[in-house]
Amino acid sequence: MKHFRGDKNLAVLTTRFVMSQNKPIVIVYHHKEDGMWEFVGDEDAQESDYKVVSLEEILSLDPSLSEIADMKPGQYAVRNSDNGQWEIEDL
């Protein structure tokens, strides 16, 4: 099993849709500029919809995210549904 680098308290971005409305995470960005991780659904999110949470919180919502833990900064992963196969691409 792959593991994310850093500790479980690493701050990551997500949206209120994922956290409060249990929407599936279907897009993950690993930002090149700052190395920040972003875990979002397919909703049209505004800046006010974003939340900072711990990596541990995100992994507890969706353990399958460990499949893409080795993504490099400057890449993103996408899947069609919450149980779909991840496809990793360069940003």
C-alpha atoms as a PDB file:
ATOM      1  CA  MET A   1       0.000   0.000   0.000  1.00  0.00           C
ATOM      2  CA  LYS A   2       1.260   3.478  -0.855  1.00  0.00           C
ATOM      3  CA  HIS A   3       1.499   6.177   1.784  1.00  0.00           C
ATOM      4  CA  PHE A   4       1.418   9.956   1.612  1.00  0.00           C
ATOM      5  CA  ARG A   5       4.637  11.657   2.605  1.00  0.00           C
ATOM      6  CA  GLY A   6       4.457  13.782   5.713  1.00  0.00           C
ATOM      7  CA  ASP A   7       2.429  13.325   8.802  1.00  0.00           C
ATOM      8  CA  LYS A   8      -1.276  12.685   9.153  1.00  0.00           C
ATOM      9  CA  ASN A   9      -1.818  16.261  10.364  1.00  0.00           C
ATOM     10  CA  LEU A  10      -0.666  17.701   7.042  1.00  0.00           C
ATOM     11  CA  ALA A  11      -3.041  20.512   6.020  1.00  0.00           C
ATOM     12  CA  VAL A  12      -4.895  19.825   2.763  1.00  0.00           C
ATOM     13  CA  LEU A  13      -7.685  21.550   0.850  1.00  0.00           C
ATOM     14  CA  THR A  14     -11.155  20.210   0.230  1.00  0.00           C
ATOM     15  CA  THR A  15     -14.659  21.612  -0.048  1.00  0.00           C
ATOM     16  CA  ARG A  16     -17.714  21.782   2.150  1.00  0.00           C
ATOM     17  CA  PHE A  17     -19.394  19.462  -0.365  1.00  0.00           C
ATOM     18  CA  VAL A  18     -16.941  16.687   0.473  1.00  0.00           C
ATOM     19  CA  MET A  19     -16.888  17.338   4.217  1.00  0.00           C
ATOM     20  CA  SER A  20     -20.503  18.252   5.003  1.00  0.00           C
ATOM     21  CA  GLN A  21     -22.497  16.735   2.173  1.00  0.00           C
ATOM     22  CA  ASN A  22     -20.503  13.511   1.733  1.00  0.00           C
ATOM     23  CA  LYS A  23     -19.929  14.125  -1.978  1.00  0.00           C
ATOM     24  CA  PRO A  24     -17.311  11.776  -3.462  1.00  0.00           C
ATOM     25  CA  ILE A  25     -13.759  12.932  -4.128  1.00  0.00           C
ATOM     26  CA  VAL A  26     -13.221  12.532  -7.865  1.00  0.00           C
ATOM     27  CA  ILE A  27     -10.401  15.027  -8.530  1.00  0.00           C
ATOM     28  CA  VAL A  28      -7.120  15.402  -6.647  1.00  0.00           C
ATOM     29  CA  TYR A  29      -4.527  18.072  -7.370  1.00  0.00           C
ATOM     30  CA  HIS A  30      -0.952  18.082  -6.097  1.00  0.00           C
ATOM     31  CA  HIS A  31      -0.019  21.716  -6.647  1.00  0.00           C
ATOM     32  CA  LYS A  32       3.401  22.323  -8.140  1.00  0.00           C
ATOM     33  CA  GLU A  33       3.923  25.797  -6.665  1.00  0.00           C
ATOM     34  CA  ASP A  34       3.546  24.934  -2.981  1.00  0.00           C
ATOM     35  CA  GLY A  35       3.126  21.141  -2.828  1.00  0.00           C
ATOM     36  CA  MET A  36      -0.389  21.523  -1.378  1.00  0.00           C
ATOM     37  CA  TRP A  37      -2.898  18.713  -1.906  1.00  0.00           C
ATOM     38  CA  GLU A  38      -6.488  19.472  -2.981  1.00  0.00           C
ATOM     39  CA  PHE A  39      -9.279  16.858  -2.786  1.00  0.00           C
ATOM     40  CA  VAL A  40     -12.550  17.850  -4.490  1.00  0.00           C
ATOM     41  CA  GLY A  41     -15.709  16.521  -6.073  1.00  0.00           C
ATOM     42  CA  ASP A  42     -17.225  17.575  -9.374  1.00  0.00           C
ATOM     43  CA  GLU A  43     -19.268  20.422  -7.862  1.00  0.00           C
ATOM     44  CA  ASP A  44     -18.743  23.987  -9.055  1.00  0.00           C
ATOM     45  CA  ALA A  45     -16.976  25.295  -5.940  1.00  0.00           C
ATOM     46  CA  GLN A  46     -16.382  28.924  -5.085  1.00  0.00           C
ATOM     47  CA  GLU A  47     -13.508  30.159  -2.917  1.00  0.00           C
ATOM     48  CA  SER A  48     -15.853  30.330   0.094  1.00  0.00           C
ATOM     49  CA  ASP A  49     -16.645  26.603  -0.300  1.00  0.00           C
ATOM     50  CA  TYR A  50     -13.044  25.538   0.444  1.00  0.00           C
ATOM     51  CA  LYS A  51     -11.895  24.201   3.808  1.00  0.00           C
ATOM     52  CA  VAL A  52      -8.528  23.280   5.277  1.00  0.00           C
ATOM     53  CA  VAL A  53      -8.541  19.879   6.945  1.00  0.00           C
ATOM     54  CA  SER A  54      -5.953  17.271   7.878  1.00  0.00           C
ATOM     55  CA  LEU A  55      -4.781  14.548   5.547  1.00  0.00           C
ATOM     56  CA  GLU A  56      -5.968  12.050   8.140  1.00  0.00           C
ATOM     57  CA  GLU A  57      -9.547  13.389   7.871  1.00  0.00           C
ATOM     58  CA  ILE A  58      -9.501  13.019   4.080  1.00  0.00           C
ATOM     59  CA  LEU A  59      -8.087   9.492   4.221  1.00  0.00           C
ATOM     60  CA  SER A  60     -10.733   8.472   6.751  1.00  0.00           C
ATOM     61  CA  LEU A  61     -13.418   9.604   4.283  1.00  0.00           C
ATOM     62  CA  ASP A  62     -11.882   7.728   1.358  1.00  0.00           C
ATOM     63  CA  PRO A  63      -9.090   5.206   2.044  1.00  0.00           C
ATOM     64  CA  SER A  64      -8.763   4.539  -1.714  1.00  0.00           C
ATOM     65  CA  LEU A  65      -6.889   7.843  -1.977  1.00  0.00           C
ATOM     66  CA  SER A  66      -3.779   5.974  -0.845  1.00  0.00           C
ATOM     67  CA  GLU A  67      -3.662   4.575  -4.417  1.00  0.00           C
ATOM     68  CA  ILE A  68      -2.483   7.993  -5.660  1.00  0.00           C
ATOM     69  CA  ALA A  69      -0.182   8.887  -2.764  1.00  0.00           C
ATOM     70  CA  ASP A  70       2.880   8.892  -5.019  1.00  0.00           C
ATOM     71  CA  MET A  71       1.583  11.674  -7.294  1.00  0.00           C
ATOM     72  CA  LYS A  72       4.254  14.261  -7.953  1.00  0.00           C
ATOM     73  CA  PRO A  73       3.737  17.997  -7.561  1.00  0.00           C
ATOM     74  CA  GLY A  74       2.302  19.299 -10.825  1.00  0.00           C
ATOM     75  CA  GLN A  75       0.007  16.312 -11.358  1.00  0.00           C
ATOM     76  CA  TYR A  76      -3.686  15.656 -10.858  1.00  0.00           C
ATOM     77  CA  ALA A  77      -5.807  12.528 -10.669  1.00  0.00           C
ATOM     78  CA  VAL A  78      -9.370  12.082 -11.851  1.00  0.00           C
ATOM     79  CA  ARG A  79     -11.950   9.288 -11.784  1.00  0.00           C
ATOM     80  CA  ASN A  80     -15.525   8.968 -13.035  1.00  0.00           C
ATOM     81  CA  SER A  81     -17.082   7.901  -9.733  1.00  0.00           C
ATOM     82  CA  ASP A  82     -16.183   7.367  -6.097  1.00  0.00           C
ATOM     83  CA  ASN A  83     -15.161   3.774  -6.836  1.00  0.00           C
ATOM     84  CA  GLY A  84     -13.675   4.386 -10.299  1.00  0.00           C
ATOM     85  CA  GLN A  85     -10.091   3.875 -11.402  1.00  0.00           C
ATOM     86  CA  TRP A  86      -7.779   6.885 -10.851  1.00  0.00           C
ATOM     87  CA  GLU A  87      -6.060   8.342 -13.920  1.00  0.00           C
ATOM     88  CA  ILE A  88      -3.038  10.547 -13.224  1.00  0.00           C
ATOM     89  CA  GLU A  89      -2.087  13.350 -15.622  1.00  0.00           C
ATOM     90  CA  ASP A  90       0.260  16.326 -15.630  1.00  0.00           C
ATOM     91  CA  LEU A  91      -1.290  19.722 -14.977  1.00  0.00           C
END
